[in-house]
C-alpha atoms as a PDB file:
ATOM      1  CA  UNK A   1     -43.924 -77.487 -47.616  1.00  0.00           C
ATOM      2  CA  UNK A   2     -44.884 -74.316 -49.499  1.00  0.00           C
ATOM      3  CA  UNK A   3     -42.975 -71.109 -50.269  1.00  0.00           C
ATOM      4  CA  UNK A   4     -44.826 -67.863 -49.544  1.00  0.00           C
ATOM      5  CA  UNK A   5     -42.930 -64.877 -50.969  1.00  0.00           C
ATOM      6  CA  UNK A   6     -42.892 -61.539 -49.164  1.00  0.00           C
ATOM      7  CA  UNK A   7     -43.304 -58.001 -50.555  1.00  0.00           C
ATOM      8  CA  UNK A   8     -42.780 -57.825 -54.339  1.00  0.00           C
ATOM      9  CA  UNK A   9     -41.106 -61.224 -54.716  1.00  0.00           C
ATOM     10  CA  UNK A  10     -42.271 -63.996 -57.042  1.00  0.00           C
ATOM     11  CA  UNK A  11     -41.535 -67.747 -56.833  1.00  0.00           C
ATOM     12  CA  UNK A  12     -40.785 -69.279 -60.247  1.00  0.00           C
ATOM     13  CA  UNK A  13     -40.212 -72.798 -61.579  1.00  0.00           C
ATOM     14  CA  UNK A  14     -38.038 -73.123 -64.674  1.00  0.00           C
ATOM     15  CA  UNK A  15     -39.468 -74.853 -67.740  1.00  0.00           C
ATOM     16  CA  UNK A  16     -37.724 -78.029 -68.867  1.00  0.00           C
ATOM     17  CA  UNK A  17     -35.007 -77.875 -71.533  1.00  0.00           C
ATOM     18  CA  UNK A  18     -35.903 -79.132 -74.989  1.00  0.00           C
ATOM     19  CA  UNK A  19     -34.735 -82.703 -75.620  1.00  0.00           C
ATOM     20  CA  UNK A  20     -35.061 -82.428 -79.398  1.00  0.00           C
ATOM     21  CA  UNK A  21     -34.435 -79.830 -82.055  1.00  0.00           C
ATOM     22  CA  UNK A  22     -37.284 -78.659 -84.282  1.00  0.00           C
ATOM     23  CA  UNK A  23     -36.073 -81.105 -86.975  1.00  0.00           C
ATOM     24  CA  UNK A  24     -36.353 -84.049 -84.541  1.00  0.00           C
ATOM     25  CA  UNK A  25     -32.704 -84.568 -83.559  1.00  0.00           C
ATOM     26  CA  UNK A  26     -32.278 -85.657 -79.915  1.00  0.00           C
ATOM     27  CA  UNK A  27     -29.879 -83.530 -77.849  1.00  0.00           C
ATOM     28  CA  UNK A  28     -27.457 -84.871 -75.250  1.00  0.00           C
ATOM     29  CA  UNK A  29     -28.043 -83.547 -71.721  1.00  0.00           C
ATOM     30  CA  UNK A  30     -24.863 -81.444 -71.925  1.00  0.00           C
ATOM     31  CA  UNK A  31     -26.083 -79.758 -75.135  1.00  0.00           C
ATOM     32  CA  UNK A  32     -29.491 -78.809 -73.748  1.00  0.00           C
ATOM     33  CA  UNK A  33     -29.723 -75.160 -72.814  1.00  0.00           C
ATOM     34  CA  UNK A  34     -32.287 -74.313 -70.163  1.00  0.00           C
ATOM     35  CA  UNK A  35     -34.712 -71.665 -71.375  1.00  0.00           C
ATOM     36  CA  UNK A  36     -35.118 -68.458 -69.420  1.00  0.00           C
ATOM     37  CA  UNK A  37     -38.880 -69.043 -69.454  1.00  0.00           C
ATOM     38  CA  UNK A  38     -40.414 -69.747 -66.051  1.00  0.00           C
ATOM     39  CA  UNK A  39     -43.826 -70.636 -64.672  1.00  0.00           C
ATOM     40  CA  UNK A  40     -45.086 -68.379 -61.856  1.00  0.00           C
ATOM     41  CA  UNK A  41     -45.791 -70.579 -58.811  1.00  0.00           C
ATOM     42  CA  UNK A  42     -46.570 -68.033 -56.108  1.00  0.00           C
ATOM     43  CA  UNK A  43     -46.769 -64.217 -55.914  1.00  0.00           C
ATOM     44  CA  UNK A  44     -46.086 -61.977 -52.910  1.00  0.00           C
ATOM     45  CA  UNK A  45     -48.629 -59.420 -51.669  1.00  0.00           C
ATOM     46  CA  UNK A  46     -46.800 -56.318 -52.918  1.00  0.00           C
ATOM     47  CA  UNK A  47     -46.946 -53.276 -50.644  1.00  0.00           C
ATOM     48  CA  UNK A  48     -44.292 -50.714 -49.753  1.00  0.00           C
ATOM     49  CA  UNK A  49     -40.890 -51.429 -51.318  1.00  0.00           C
ATOM     50  CA  UNK A  50     -38.122 -48.815 -50.985  1.00  0.00           C
ATOM     51  CA  UNK A  51     -40.696 -46.166 -50.090  1.00  0.00           C
ATOM     52  CA  UNK A  52     -42.903 -46.806 -53.140  1.00  0.00           C
ATOM     53  CA  UNK A  53     -46.226 -48.626 -53.333  1.00  0.00           C
ATOM     54  CA  UNK A  54     -45.852 -51.743 -55.506  1.00  0.00           C
ATOM     55  CA  UNK A  55     -48.868 -53.554 -56.945  1.00  0.00           C
ATOM     56  CA  UNK A  56     -48.401 -57.086 -58.227  1.00  0.00           C
ATOM     57  CA  UNK A  57     -48.980 -57.456 -61.973  1.00  0.00           C
ATOM     58  CA  UNK A  58     -48.053 -61.114 -62.486  1.00  0.00           C
ATOM     59  CA  UNK A  59     -50.289 -63.965 -61.324  1.00  0.00           C
ATOM     60  CA  UNK A  60     -49.697 -67.621 -60.464  1.00  0.00           C
ATOM     61  CA  UNK A  61     -49.803 -69.845 -63.550  1.00  0.00           C
ATOM     62  CA  UNK A  62     -48.437 -67.272 -66.010  1.00  0.00           C
ATOM     63  CA  UNK A  63     -45.323 -67.900 -68.106  1.00  0.00           C
ATOM     64  CA  UNK A  64     -42.683 -65.192 -67.798  1.00  0.00           C
ATOM     65  CA  UNK A  65     -39.285 -64.336 -69.260  1.00  0.00           C
ATOM     66  CA  UNK A  66     -36.514 -63.597 -66.744  1.00  0.00           C
ATOM     67  CA  UNK A  67     -32.906 -62.460 -67.208  1.00  0.00           C
ATOM     68  CA  UNK A  68     -30.277 -65.206 -67.271  1.00  0.00           C
ATOM     69  CA  UNK A  69     -28.672 -64.420 -63.892  1.00  0.00           C
ATOM     70  CA  UNK A  70     -31.695 -63.015 -62.037  1.00  0.00           C
ATOM     71  CA  UNK A  71     -32.940 -64.174 -58.676  1.00  0.00           C
ATOM     72  CA  UNK A  72     -31.945 -66.667 -56.026  1.00  0.00           C
ATOM     73  CA  UNK A  73     -32.076 -70.435 -56.561  1.00  0.00           C
ATOM     74  CA  UNK A  74     -33.789 -72.440 -53.807  1.00  0.00           C
ATOM     75  CA  UNK A  75     -34.271 -76.213 -53.511  1.00  0.00           C
ATOM     76  CA  UNK A  76     -37.298 -77.413 -51.530  1.00  0.00           C
ATOM     77  CA  UNK A  77     -38.711 -80.965 -51.451  1.00  0.00           C
ATOM     78  CA  UNK A  78     -36.482 -82.031 -54.382  1.00  0.00           C
ATOM     79  CA  UNK A  79     -37.871 -79.195 -56.534  1.00  0.00           C
ATOM     80  CA  UNK A  80     -35.753 -76.244 -57.666  1.00  0.00           C
ATOM     81  CA  UNK A  81     -37.295 -72.766 -57.561  1.00  0.00           C
ATOM     82  CA  UNK A  82     -36.069 -69.272 -58.355  1.00  0.00           C
ATOM     83  CA  UNK A  83     -37.182 -66.272 -56.291  1.00  0.00           C
ATOM     84  CA  UNK A  84     -37.050 -62.883 -58.042  1.00  0.00           C
ATOM     85  CA  UNK A  85     -38.401 -59.402 -57.514  1.00  0.00           C
ATOM     86  CA  UNK A  86     -41.270 -58.518 -59.810  1.00  0.00           C
ATOM     87  CA  UNK A  87     -39.057 -55.861 -61.405  1.00  0.00           C
ATOM     88  CA  UNK A  88     -36.628 -58.633 -62.532  1.00  0.00           C
ATOM     89  CA  UNK A  89     -39.315 -60.130 -64.779  1.00  0.00           C
ATOM     90  CA  UNK A  90     -38.751 -58.908 -68.320  1.00  0.00           C
ATOM     91  CA  UNK A  91     -42.026 -59.970 -69.950  1.00  0.00           C
ATOM     92  CA  UNK A  92     -45.178 -62.033 -69.557  1.00  0.00           C
ATOM     93  CA  UNK A  93     -45.615 -64.623 -72.312  1.00  0.00           C
ATOM     94  CA  UNK A  94     -49.171 -64.822 -73.672  1.00  0.00           C
END
């Protein structure tokens, strides 16, 4: 099954938490903090949103930074995704 976002929404998949520190120490699962960096999986078509024309800037495959409590969490086929509006994306990581 595939998610196809509507309007200015973007489907994201969260990057995995680091299992080790930069000095090589392994972290317990409870100590691992999930990064707020996501991979763009699918992008909506844009269009009219709240009376304004919205063009999509992000593209599938890009890494983006999203606010900690942004979006809606969705589980599909044992995979967890987050759906956000394009305006909730803070930055594109290059």
